[in-house]
Amino acid sequence: QVQLVESGGGLVQTGGSLRLSCTASSIVFRIIPMGWYRQAPGKERELVAQITSDGTTNYADSVKGRFTISRDNAKNTVYLQMNNLKPEDAAVYYCNKAPVHYSYWGQGTQVTVSS
């Protein structure tokens, strides 16, 4: 089972920025397509950004132009740079394989955006 450890969340004002990190314990991380998901209270978990093994990225319309996903295969880490944050971005953010995720999740990292 791949261990997924997210970090970097916090409290930020509207318009602010955060950078999330996720480290995966897999020796084949470099070939795993990864993504960032989020889940707000009362809502379903949604995929907001994904990156293939060759670096091709895709974003949900709600974050396009504001979020950037990247990966460092040497560090088994995937990042999510979030700029111009909005109150509706507040959620627990998780990383996982994408677009088809593993059946398990890490602990996630909380992002809170104050208006």
Protein backbone atom coordinates (compact mmCIF):
# COMPACT_ATOMS: atom_id res chain seq x y z
CA GLN A 1 0.00 0.00 0.00
CA VAL A 2 1.40 3.40 -0.98
CA GLN A 3 1.64 5.84 1.90
CA LEU A 4 0.42 9.33 1.00
CA VAL A 5 1.41 12.23 3.26
CA GLU A 6 0.03 15.68 2.54
CA SER A 7 1.24 18.93 4.07
CA GLY A 8 1.24 22.67 3.56
CA GLY A 9 -2.32 23.62 4.36
CA GLY A 10 -3.29 26.47 6.61
CA LEU A 11 -5.30 29.62 7.04
CA VAL A 12 -5.00 32.27 4.35
CA GLN A 13 -6.92 35.37 3.39
CA THR A 14 -8.88 35.66 0.18
CA GLY A 15 -6.44 36.32 -2.62
CA GLY A 16 -3.58 34.65 -0.81
CA SER A 17 -1.44 31.67 -1.80
CA LEU A 18 -0.47 28.29 -0.43
CA ARG A 19 1.72 25.48 -1.66
CA LEU A 20 0.71 21.96 -0.82
CA SER A 21 3.07 19.00 -0.89
CA CYS A 22 2.43 15.29 -1.01
CA THR A 23 5.01 12.58 -0.61
CA ALA A 24 4.26 9.04 -1.76
CA SER A 25 6.12 5.96 -0.60
CA SER A 26 6.34 4.16 -3.92
CA ILE A 27 9.44 3.06 -5.77
CA VAL A 28 7.53 3.49 -9.02
CA PHE A 29 6.18 6.95 -8.20
CA ARG A 30 7.60 8.33 -11.42
CA ILE A 31 5.13 6.34 -13.53
CA ILE A 32 2.06 7.00 -11.39
CA PRO A 33 -0.34 9.67 -12.64
CA MET A 34 -1.13 11.79 -9.60
CA GLY A 35 -3.76 14.29 -8.64
CA TRP A 36 -5.01 16.61 -5.97
CA TYR A 37 -8.51 16.18 -4.68
CA ARG A 38 -10.48 18.25 -2.21
CA GLN A 39 -13.50 17.76 -0.05
CA ALA A 40 -15.46 20.57 1.53
CA PRO A 41 -17.95 19.94 4.36
CA GLY A 42 -21.15 18.44 3.03
CA LYS A 43 -19.74 17.99 -0.46
CA GLU A 44 -18.30 15.08 -2.38
CA ARG A 45 -14.60 14.76 -2.94
CA GLU A 46 -13.58 16.24 -6.26
CA LEU A 47 -10.47 16.04 -8.41
CA VAL A 48 -9.08 19.52 -8.99
CA ALA A 49 -5.74 18.90 -10.67
CA GLN A 50 -3.88 15.99 -12.17
CA ILE A 51 -0.49 15.34 -13.68
CA THR A 52 0.61 12.38 -15.75
CA SER A 53 3.94 10.62 -15.52
CA ASP A 54 5.25 12.75 -18.39
CA GLY A 55 4.09 16.02 -16.84
CA THR A 56 0.88 16.65 -18.73
CA THR A 57 -1.54 18.54 -16.51
CA ASN A 58 -5.27 19.02 -16.35
CA TYR A 59 -7.42 21.16 -14.09
CA ALA A 60 -10.99 21.52 -13.00
CA ASP A 61 -12.58 24.65 -14.42
CA SER A 62 -13.00 26.06 -10.93
CA VAL A 63 -9.23 26.26 -10.36
CA LYS A 64 -7.90 26.71 -13.88
CA GLY A 65 -5.53 29.66 -14.08
CA ARG A 66 -5.09 29.81 -10.30
CA PHE A 67 -3.70 26.40 -9.33
CA THR A 68 -0.60 24.70 -10.69
CA ILE A 69 0.25 21.05 -10.14
CA SER A 70 3.81 19.81 -10.48
CA ARG A 71 5.88 16.83 -9.48
CA ASP A 72 9.45 16.02 -8.49
CA ASN A 73 9.99 12.35 -9.19
CA ALA A 74 13.40 12.38 -7.51
CA LYS A 75 11.64 13.31 -4.27
CA ASN A 76 8.50 11.22 -4.81
CA THR A 77 6.57 14.44 -4.30
CA VAL A 78 3.70 16.18 -6.02
CA TYR A 79 2.90 19.84 -5.37
CA LEU A 80 -0.09 22.10 -5.71
CA GLN A 81 0.59 25.81 -5.93
CA MET A 82 -2.63 27.64 -5.16
CA ASN A 83 -2.86 31.35 -5.95
CA ASN A 84 -5.68 33.87 -5.67
CA LEU A 85 -7.48 31.65 -3.20
CA LYS A 86 -11.20 32.09 -2.73
CA PRO A 87 -13.47 31.13 0.17
CA GLU A 88 -14.92 28.36 -2.00
CA ASP A 89 -11.46 26.75 -2.17
CA ALA A 90 -11.65 25.93 1.53
CA ALA A 91 -11.55 22.17 1.97
CA VAL A 92 -9.40 19.26 3.04
CA TYR A 93 -6.98 18.55 0.23
CA TYR A 94 -5.74 15.06 -0.58
CA CYS A 95 -3.35 13.65 -3.10
CA ASN A 96 -3.86 10.30 -4.74
CA LYS A 97 -3.47 8.50 -8.03
CA ALA A 98 -5.58 10.18 -10.70
CA PRO A 99 -7.98 10.06 -12.32
CA VAL A 100 -8.62 6.61 -10.79
CA HIS A 101 -7.60 6.82 -7.18
CA TYR A 102 -6.46 4.16 -4.77
CA SER A 103 -9.07 2.82 -2.36
CA TYR A 104 -7.30 4.49 0.53
CA TRP A 105 -6.39 8.06 1.37
CA GLY A 106 -3.88 9.98 3.39
CA GLN A 107 -4.86 12.26 6.23
CA GLY A 108 -5.20 15.27 3.97
CA THR A 109 -4.30 18.86 4.72
CA GLN A 110 -6.81 21.53 5.68
CA VAL A 111 -7.06 24.73 3.69
CA THR A 112 -9.07 27.56 5.21
CA VAL A 113 -9.71 30.79 3.34
CA SER A 114 -10.98 33.80 5.23
CA SER A 115 -13.06 36.40 3.44
